[in-house]
PDB file of N, CA and C in Angstrom:
ATOM      1  N   MET A   1       3.122 -11.078   0.518  1.00  0.00           N
ATOM      2  CA  MET A   1       3.442 -12.014  -0.462  1.00  0.00           C
ATOM      3  C   MET A   1       5.075 -11.817  -0.674  1.00  0.00           C
ATOM      4  N   ASP A   2       5.743 -12.913  -0.731  1.00  0.00           N
ATOM      5  CA  ASP A   2       7.237 -12.676  -1.162  1.00  0.00           C
ATOM      6  C   ASP A   2       7.379 -12.719  -2.630  1.00  0.00           C
ATOM      7  N   TYR A   3       8.129 -11.820  -3.165  1.00  0.00           N
ATOM      8  CA  TYR A   3       8.540 -11.805  -4.580  1.00  0.00           C
ATOM      9  C   TYR A   3       9.927 -11.049  -4.678  1.00  0.00           C
ATOM     10  N   VAL A   4      10.509 -11.250  -5.815  1.00  0.00           N
ATOM     11  CA  VAL A   4      11.644 -10.565  -6.164  1.00  0.00           C
ATOM     12  C   VAL A   4      11.472  -9.598  -7.318  1.00  0.00           C
ATOM     13  N   LEU A   5      11.828  -8.410  -7.137  1.00  0.00           N
ATOM     14  CA  LEU A   5      11.756  -7.404  -8.317  1.00  0.00           C
ATOM     15  C   LEU A   5      13.145  -7.470  -9.070  1.00  0.00           C
ATOM     16  N   THR A   6      12.977  -7.641 -10.338  1.00  0.00           N
ATOM     17  CA  THR A   6      14.157  -7.551 -11.268  1.00  0.00           C
ATOM     18  C   THR A   6      14.677  -6.164 -11.230  1.00  0.00           C
ATOM     19  N   GLU A   7      15.807  -5.878 -11.642  1.00  0.00           N
ATOM     20  CA  GLU A   7      16.325  -4.536 -11.834  1.00  0.00           C
ATOM     21  C   GLU A   7      15.601  -3.795 -12.879  1.00  0.00           C
ATOM     22  N   HIS A   8      15.167  -4.402 -13.871  1.00  0.00           N
ATOM     23  CA  HIS A   8      14.129  -3.928 -14.787  1.00  0.00           C
ATOM     24  C   HIS A   8      12.733  -3.447 -14.270  1.00  0.00           C
ATOM     25  N   ALA A   9      12.167  -4.271 -13.449  1.00  0.00           N
ATOM     26  CA  ALA A   9      10.770  -4.044 -12.865  1.00  0.00           C
ATOM     27  C   ALA A   9      11.099  -2.889 -11.951  1.00  0.00           C
ATOM     28  N   GLN A  10      12.141  -2.829 -11.153  1.00  0.00           N
ATOM     29  CA  GLN A  10      12.453  -1.664 -10.184  1.00  0.00           C
ATOM     30  C   GLN A  10      12.415  -0.351 -11.019  1.00  0.00           C
ATOM     31  N   ASP A  11      13.225  -0.433 -12.123  1.00  0.00           N
ATOM     32  CA  ASP A  11      13.260   0.847 -12.810  1.00  0.00           C
ATOM     33  C   ASP A  11      11.904   1.124 -13.408  1.00  0.00           C
ATOM     34  N   ALA A  12      11.167   0.126 -13.902  1.00  0.00           N
ATOM     35  CA  ALA A  12       9.890   0.461 -14.485  1.00  0.00           C
ATOM     36  C   ALA A  12       8.897   1.159 -13.488  1.00  0.00           C
ATOM     37  N   LEU A  13       8.796   0.499 -12.258  1.00  0.00           N
ATOM     38  CA  LEU A  13       8.024   1.115 -11.248  1.00  0.00           C
ATOM     39  C   LEU A  13       8.368   2.487 -10.897  1.00  0.00           C
ATOM     40  N   LYS A  14       9.593   2.898 -10.945  1.00  0.00           N
ATOM     41  CA  LYS A  14      10.224   4.308 -10.625  1.00  0.00           C
ATOM     42  C   LYS A  14       9.864   5.147 -11.709  1.00  0.00           C
ATOM     43  N   LYS A  15      10.181   4.915 -12.988  1.00  0.00           N
ATOM     44  CA  LYS A  15       9.993   5.614 -14.188  1.00  0.00           C
ATOM     45  C   LYS A  15       8.654   5.866 -14.481  1.00  0.00           C
ATOM     46  N   ARG A  16       7.815   4.838 -14.365  1.00  0.00           N
ATOM     47  CA  ARG A  16       6.314   4.988 -14.602  1.00  0.00           C
ATOM     48  C   ARG A  16       5.522   5.422 -13.638  1.00  0.00           C
ATOM     49  N   ARG A  17       6.110   5.638 -12.410  1.00  0.00           N
ATOM     50  CA  ARG A  17       5.334   6.206 -11.252  1.00  0.00           C
ATOM     51  C   ARG A  17       4.306   5.151 -10.821  1.00  0.00           C
ATOM     52  N   ILE A  18       4.461   3.783 -10.856  1.00  0.00           N
ATOM     53  CA  ILE A  18       3.536   2.840 -10.579  1.00  0.00           C
ATOM     54  C   ILE A  18       3.843   2.499  -9.024  1.00  0.00           C
ATOM     55  N   ARG A  19       2.779   2.632  -8.319  1.00  0.00           N
ATOM     56  CA  ARG A  19       2.836   2.225  -6.837  1.00  0.00           C
ATOM     57  C   ARG A  19       2.988   0.703  -6.549  1.00  0.00           C
ATOM     58  N   ILE A  20       3.734   0.292  -5.727  1.00  0.00           N
ATOM     59  CA  ILE A  20       3.978  -0.882  -5.137  1.00  0.00           C
ATOM     60  C   ILE A  20       2.754  -1.586  -4.979  1.00  0.00           C
ATOM     61  N   GLY A  21       1.749  -0.891  -4.287  1.00  0.00           N
ATOM     62  CA  GLY A  21       0.515  -1.551  -3.794  1.00  0.00           C
ATOM     63  C   GLY A  21      -0.394  -1.762  -5.047  1.00  0.00           C
ATOM     64  N   TRP A  22      -0.345  -1.073  -6.141  1.00  0.00           N
ATOM     65  CA  TRP A  22      -0.971  -1.321  -7.320  1.00  0.00           C
ATOM     66  C   TRP A  22      -0.465  -2.758  -7.903  1.00  0.00           C
ATOM     67  N   MET A  23       0.987  -2.777  -7.924  1.00  0.00           N
ATOM     68  CA  MET A  23       1.541  -4.064  -8.521  1.00  0.00           C
ATOM     69  C   MET A  23       1.096  -5.182  -7.739  1.00  0.00           C
ATOM     70  N   GLU A  24       1.244  -5.047  -6.307  1.00  0.00           N
ATOM     71  CA  GLU A  24       0.918  -6.249  -5.461  1.00  0.00           C
ATOM     72  C   GLU A  24      -0.495  -6.693  -5.650  1.00  0.00           C
ATOM     73  N   GLN A  25      -1.436  -5.788  -5.917  1.00  0.00           N
ATOM     74  CA  GLN A  25      -2.938  -5.930  -6.115  1.00  0.00           C
ATOM     75  C   GLN A  25      -3.017  -6.961  -7.381  1.00  0.00           C
ATOM     76  N   ALA A  26      -2.371  -6.437  -8.551  1.00  0.00           N
ATOM     77  CA  ALA A  26      -2.318  -7.142  -9.552  1.00  0.00           C
ATOM     78  C   ALA A  26      -1.845  -8.580  -9.638  1.00  0.00           C
ATOM     79  N   LEU A  27      -0.780  -8.622  -8.785  1.00  0.00           N
ATOM     80  CA  LEU A  27      -0.089  -9.819  -8.589  1.00  0.00           C
ATOM     81  C   LEU A  27      -0.841 -10.905  -7.688  1.00  0.00           C
ATOM     82  N   THR A  28      -1.402 -10.409  -6.589  1.00  0.00           N
ATOM     83  CA  THR A  28      -2.124 -11.202  -5.665  1.00  0.00           C
ATOM     84  C   THR A  28      -3.562 -11.528  -6.116  1.00  0.00           C
ATOM     85  N   THR A  29      -4.288 -10.585  -6.640  1.00  0.00           N
ATOM     86  CA  THR A  29      -5.614 -10.666  -7.017  1.00  0.00           C
ATOM     87  C   THR A  29      -5.902 -10.156  -8.330  1.00  0.00           C
ATOM     88  N   PRO A  30      -5.467 -10.797  -9.393  1.00  0.00           N
ATOM     89  CA  PRO A  30      -5.562 -10.275 -10.860  1.00  0.00           C
ATOM     90  C   PRO A  30      -7.015 -10.376 -11.212  1.00  0.00           C
ATOM     91  N   GLU A  31      -7.590  -9.620 -12.143  1.00  0.00           N
ATOM     92  CA  GLU A  31      -8.839  -9.786 -12.697  1.00  0.00           C
ATOM     93  C   GLU A  31      -8.804 -10.677 -13.984  1.00  0.00           C
ATOM     94  N   ALA A  32      -7.582 -10.915 -14.510  1.00  0.00           N
ATOM     95  CA  ALA A  32      -7.392 -11.822 -15.531  1.00  0.00           C
ATOM     96  C   ALA A  32      -5.871 -12.066 -15.563  1.00  0.00           C
ATOM     97  N   THR A  33      -5.634 -13.310 -16.103  1.00  0.00           N
ATOM     98  CA  THR A  33      -4.324 -13.781 -16.333  1.00  0.00           C
ATOM     99  C   THR A  33      -4.293 -14.365 -17.774  1.00  0.00           C
ATOM    100  N   GLU A  34      -2.935 -14.196 -18.260  1.00  0.00           N
ATOM    101  CA  GLU A  34      -2.622 -14.630 -19.565  1.00  0.00           C
ATOM    102  C   GLU A  34      -1.356 -15.329 -19.672  1.00  0.00           C
ATOM    103  N   ALA A  35      -1.250 -16.348 -20.463  1.00  0.00           N
ATOM    104  CA  ALA A  35       0.144 -17.038 -20.711  1.00  0.00           C
ATOM    105  C   ALA A  35       0.857 -16.019 -21.545  1.00  0.00           C
ATOM    106  N   ASP A  36       2.102 -16.104 -21.353  1.00  0.00           N
ATOM    107  CA  ASP A  36       3.179 -15.308 -22.266  1.00  0.00           C
ATOM    108  C   ASP A  36       3.271 -16.011 -23.529  1.00  0.00           C
ATOM    109  N   PRO A  37       3.132 -15.404 -24.673  1.00  0.00           N
ATOM    110  CA  PRO A  37       3.068 -16.046 -25.984  1.00  0.00           C
ATOM    111  C   PRO A  37       4.426 -16.431 -26.417  1.00  0.00           C
ATOM    112  N   VAL A  38       5.419 -16.139 -25.815  1.00  0.00           N
ATOM    113  CA  VAL A  38       6.895 -16.622 -26.156  1.00  0.00           C
ATOM    114  C   VAL A  38       7.469 -17.504 -25.068  1.00  0.00           C
ATOM    115  N   ASP A  39       7.362 -17.054 -23.889  1.00  0.00           N
ATOM    116  CA  ASP A  39       8.061 -17.909 -22.705  1.00  0.00           C
ATOM    117  C   ASP A  39       6.912 -18.595 -21.790  1.00  0.00           C
ATOM    118  N   ALA A  40       6.947 -19.872 -21.780  1.00  0.00           N
ATOM    119  CA  ALA A  40       5.870 -20.552 -20.999  1.00  0.00           C
ATOM    120  C   ALA A  40       6.216 -20.479 -19.453  1.00  0.00           C
ATOM    121  N   ASP A  41       7.460 -19.936 -19.044  1.00  0.00           N
ATOM    122  CA  ASP A  41       7.636 -19.799 -17.730  1.00  0.00           C
ATOM    123  C   ASP A  41       7.010 -18.414 -17.125  1.00  0.00           C
ATOM    124  N   LEU A  42       6.392 -17.561 -18.112  1.00  0.00           N
ATOM    125  CA  LEU A  42       5.910 -16.298 -17.618  1.00  0.00           C
ATOM    126  C   LEU A  42       4.520 -16.266 -17.701  1.00  0.00           C
ATOM    127  N   ALA A  43       3.891 -15.468 -16.678  1.00  0.00           N
ATOM    128  CA  ALA A  43       2.391 -15.268 -16.606  1.00  0.00           C
ATOM    129  C   ALA A  43       2.225 -13.729 -16.615  1.00  0.00           C
ATOM    130  N   HIS A  44       1.172 -13.292 -17.197  1.00  0.00           N
ATOM    131  CA  HIS A  44       0.628 -11.905 -17.149  1.00  0.00           C
ATOM    132  C   HIS A  44      -0.556 -11.665 -16.289  1.00  0.00           C
ATOM    133  N   HIS A  45      -0.303 -10.909 -15.236  1.00  0.00           N
ATOM    134  CA  HIS A  45      -1.363 -10.566 -14.411  1.00  0.00           C
ATOM    135  C   HIS A  45      -2.130  -9.212 -14.692  1.00  0.00           C
ATOM    136  N   LEU A  46      -3.250  -9.214 -14.813  1.00  0.00           N
ATOM    137  CA  LEU A  46      -3.912  -7.888 -15.259  1.00  0.00           C
ATOM    138  C   LEU A  46      -4.885  -7.511 -14.200  1.00  0.00           C
ATOM    139  N   ALA A  47      -4.993  -6.134 -13.819  1.00  0.00           N
ATOM    140  CA  ALA A  47      -5.971  -5.661 -12.936  1.00  0.00           C
ATOM    141  C   ALA A  47      -6.093  -4.163 -13.196  1.00  0.00           C
ATOM    142  N   ARG A  48      -7.263  -3.685 -13.140  1.00  0.00           N
ATOM    143  CA  ARG A  48      -7.745  -2.207 -13.343  1.00  0.00           C
ATOM    144  C   ARG A  48      -7.173  -1.575 -11.977  1.00  0.00           C
ATOM    145  N   VAL A  49      -6.708  -0.427 -12.261  1.00  0.00           N
ATOM    146  CA  VAL A  49      -6.459   0.412 -11.083  1.00  0.00           C
ATOM    147  C   VAL A  49      -7.321   1.630 -11.129  1.00  0.00           C
ATOM    148  N   ALA A  50      -8.151   1.617 -10.113  1.00  0.00           N
ATOM    149  CA  ALA A  50      -9.222   2.715 -10.084  1.00  0.00           C
ATOM    150  C   ALA A  50      -8.643   4.097  -9.938  1.00  0.00           C
ATOM    151  N   GLU A  51      -7.609   4.141  -9.115  1.00  0.00           N
ATOM    152  CA  GLU A  51      -7.103   5.402  -8.832  1.00  0.00           C
ATOM    153  C   GLU A  51      -6.201   5.966 -10.074  1.00  0.00           C
ATOM    154  N   PHE A  52      -6.181   5.343 -11.030  1.00  0.00           N
ATOM    155  CA  PHE A  52      -5.405   5.705 -12.246  1.00  0.00           C
ATOM    156  C   PHE A  52      -6.359   5.530 -13.411  1.00  0.00           C
ATOM    157  N   GLY A  53      -7.647   5.960 -13.445  1.00  0.00           N
ATOM    158  CA  GLY A  53      -8.688   5.977 -14.405  1.00  0.00           C
ATOM    159  C   GLY A  53      -9.006   4.718 -14.945  1.00  0.00           C
ATOM    160  N   ASN A  54      -9.057   3.682 -14.144  1.00  0.00           N
ATOM    161  CA  ASN A  54      -9.392   2.263 -14.425  1.00  0.00           C
ATOM    162  C   ASN A  54      -8.430   1.515 -15.562  1.00  0.00           C
ATOM    163  N   ARG A  55      -7.301   2.211 -15.652  1.00  0.00           N
ATOM    164  CA  ARG A  55      -6.450   1.731 -16.580  1.00  0.00           C
ATOM    165  C   ARG A  55      -5.950   0.296 -16.220  1.00  0.00           C
ATOM    166  N   VAL A  56      -5.493  -0.440 -17.235  1.00  0.00           N
ATOM    167  CA  VAL A  56      -5.076  -2.010 -16.825  1.00  0.00           C
ATOM    168  C   VAL A  56      -3.605  -2.015 -16.559  1.00  0.00           C
ATOM    169  N   LEU A  57      -3.357  -2.554 -15.426  1.00  0.00           N
ATOM    170  CA  LEU A  57      -1.821  -2.735 -15.190  1.00  0.00           C
ATOM    171  C   LEU A  57      -1.601  -4.149 -15.312  1.00  0.00           C
ATOM    172  N   ARG A  58      -0.460  -4.305 -16.144  1.00  0.00           N
ATOM    173  CA  ARG A  58      -0.030  -5.480 -16.498  1.00  0.00           C
ATOM    174  C   ARG A  58       1.337  -5.962 -15.691  1.00  0.00           C
ATOM    175  N   VAL A  59       1.392  -6.952 -15.031  1.00  0.00           N
ATOM    176  CA  VAL A  59       2.443  -7.338 -14.236  1.00  0.00           C
ATOM    177  C   VAL A  59       3.041  -8.700 -14.734  1.00  0.00           C
ATOM    178  N   ILE A  60       4.300  -8.829 -15.429  1.00  0.00           N
ATOM    179  CA  ILE A  60       4.822 -10.015 -15.884  1.00  0.00           C
ATOM    180  C   ILE A  60       5.639 -10.692 -14.819  1.00  0.00           C
ATOM    181  N   VAL A  61       5.443 -11.836 -14.506  1.00  0.00           N
ATOM    182  CA  VAL A  61       5.870 -12.701 -13.405  1.00  0.00           C
ATOM    183  C   VAL A  61       6.327 -13.974 -13.829  1.00  0.00           C
ATOM    184  N   ASN A  62       7.486 -14.439 -13.374  1.00  0.00           N
ATOM    185  CA  ASN A  62       7.970 -15.681 -13.556  1.00  0.00           C
ATOM    186  C   ASN A  62       7.712 -16.449 -12.229  1.00  0.00           C
ATOM    187  N   ALA A  63       6.445 -17.086 -12.259  1.00  0.00           N
ATOM    188  CA  ALA A  63       5.945 -17.720 -11.050  1.00  0.00           C
ATOM    189  C   ALA A  63       6.580 -19.149 -10.740  1.00  0.00           C
ATOM    190  N   LYS A  64       7.355 -19.559 -11.789  1.00  0.00           N
ATOM    191  CA  LYS A  64       7.875 -20.892 -11.679  1.00  0.00           C
ATOM    192  C   LYS A  64       9.191 -20.733 -10.675  1.00  0.00           C
ATOM    193  N   ARG A  65       9.582 -19.549 -10.473  1.00  0.00           N
ATOM    194  CA  ARG A  65      10.799 -19.272  -9.539  1.00  0.00           C
ATOM    195  C   ARG A  65      10.262 -19.079  -8.112  1.00  0.00           C
ATOM    196  N   THR A  66      10.937 -19.496  -7.191  1.00  0.00           N
ATOM    197  CA  THR A  66      10.603 -19.233  -5.617  1.00  0.00           C
ATOM    198  C   THR A  66      11.718 -18.374  -5.149  1.00  0.00           C
ATOM    199  N   PRO A  67      11.190 -17.320  -4.635  1.00  0.00           N
ATOM    200  CA  PRO A  67      10.001 -16.757  -4.630  1.00  0.00           C
ATOM    201  C   PRO A  67       9.851 -16.136  -6.105  1.00  0.00           C
ATOM    202  N   PRO A  68       8.587 -15.902  -6.505  1.00  0.00           N
ATOM    203  CA  PRO A  68       8.136 -15.511  -7.955  1.00  0.00           C
ATOM    204  C   PRO A  68       8.956 -14.253  -8.192  1.00  0.00           C
ATOM    205  N   HIS A  69       9.493 -14.035  -9.473  1.00  0.00           N
ATOM    206  CA  HIS A  69      10.218 -12.987  -9.991  1.00  0.00           C
ATOM    207  C   HIS A  69       9.308 -12.080 -10.864  1.00  0.00           C
ATOM    208  N   ILE A  70       9.260 -10.715 -10.496  1.00  0.00           N
ATOM    209  CA  ILE A  70       8.568  -9.856 -11.144  1.00  0.00           C
ATOM    210  C   ILE A  70       9.435  -9.383 -12.371  1.00  0.00           C
ATOM    211  N   ILE A  71       9.090  -9.532 -13.591  1.00  0.00           N
ATOM    212  CA  ILE A  71       9.991  -9.065 -14.694  1.00  0.00           C
ATOM    213  C   ILE A  71       9.725  -7.765 -15.220  1.00  0.00           C
ATOM    214  N   THR A  72       8.565  -7.263 -15.282  1.00  0.00           N
ATOM    215  CA  THR A  72       8.208  -5.877 -15.754  1.00  0.00           C
ATOM    216  C   THR A  72       6.807  -5.599 -15.340  1.00  0.00           C
ATOM    217  N   VAL A  73       6.519  -4.276 -15.212  1.00  0.00           N
ATOM    218  CA  VAL A  73       5.260  -3.785 -14.901  1.00  0.00           C
ATOM    219  C   VAL A  73       4.934  -2.641 -15.763  1.00  0.00           C
ATOM    220  N   PHE A  74       3.701  -2.450 -16.233  1.00  0.00           N
ATOM    221  CA  PHE A  74       3.258  -1.358 -17.230  1.00  0.00           C
ATOM    222  C   PHE A  74       1.863  -1.280 -17.254  1.00  0.00           C
ATOM    223  N   PHE A  75       1.311  -0.003 -17.560  1.00  0.00           N
ATOM    224  CA  PHE A  75       0.055   0.278 -17.761  1.00  0.00           C
ATOM    225  C   PHE A  75      -0.120  -0.113 -19.384  1.00  0.00           C
ATOM    226  N   ASP A  76      -1.145  -1.006 -19.624  1.00  0.00           N
ATOM    227  CA  ASP A  76      -1.308  -1.540 -21.095  1.00  0.00           C
ATOM    228  C   ASP A  76      -2.513  -0.749 -21.672  1.00  0.00           C
ATOM    229  N   ARG A  77      -2.160   0.073 -22.596  1.00  0.00           N
ATOM    230  CA  ARG A  77      -3.127   0.947 -23.142  1.00  0.00           C
ATOM    231  C   ARG A  77      -4.044   0.345 -24.154  1.00  0.00           C
ATOM    232  N   ARG A  78      -3.625  -0.888 -24.683  1.00  0.00           N
ATOM    233  CA  ARG A  78      -4.450  -1.715 -25.477  1.00  0.00           C
ATOM    234  C   ARG A  78      -5.430  -2.517 -24.961  1.00  0.00           C
ATOM    235  N   ARG A  79      -5.182  -2.854 -23.640  1.00  0.00           N
ATOM    236  CA  ARG A  79      -5.924  -3.997 -22.881  1.00  0.00           C
ATOM    237  C   ARG A  79      -7.066  -3.349 -22.205  1.00  0.00           C
ATOM    238  N   THR A  80      -8.302  -3.854 -22.248  1.00  0.00           N
ATOM    239  CA  THR A  80      -9.351  -3.629 -21.312  1.00  0.00           C
ATOM    240  C   THR A  80      -9.818  -4.843 -20.629  1.00  0.00           C
ATOM    241  N   ILE A  81     -10.462  -4.651 -19.483  1.00  0.00           N
ATOM    242  CA  ILE A  81     -11.083  -5.838 -18.950  1.00  0.00           C
ATOM    243  C   ILE A  81     -12.585  -5.597 -18.764  1.00  0.00           C
ATOM    244  N   PRO A  82     -13.398  -6.444 -19.305  1.00  0.00           N
ATOM    245  CA  PRO A  82     -14.834  -6.151 -19.233  1.00  0.00           C
ATOM    246  C   PRO A  82     -15.372  -6.096 -17.792  1.00  0.00           C
TER     247      PRO A  82
END
């Protein structure tokens, strides 16, 4: 899948030690998606990462751009997926 990582997303992956494969999994096959409450151009892709204790990875993406731009990525401690 083609996508662009913003500088912030690149920094987030490195500092938070998030594997690219985990991010791509959440991006391509999310278990849930949510609209951004502030910016209608953004979507939140959520997926559990088994290798990280089933914590929920949140990938915020501007899918209206071609290719999609990854804005940020982080483990969301407050979110669970049933």
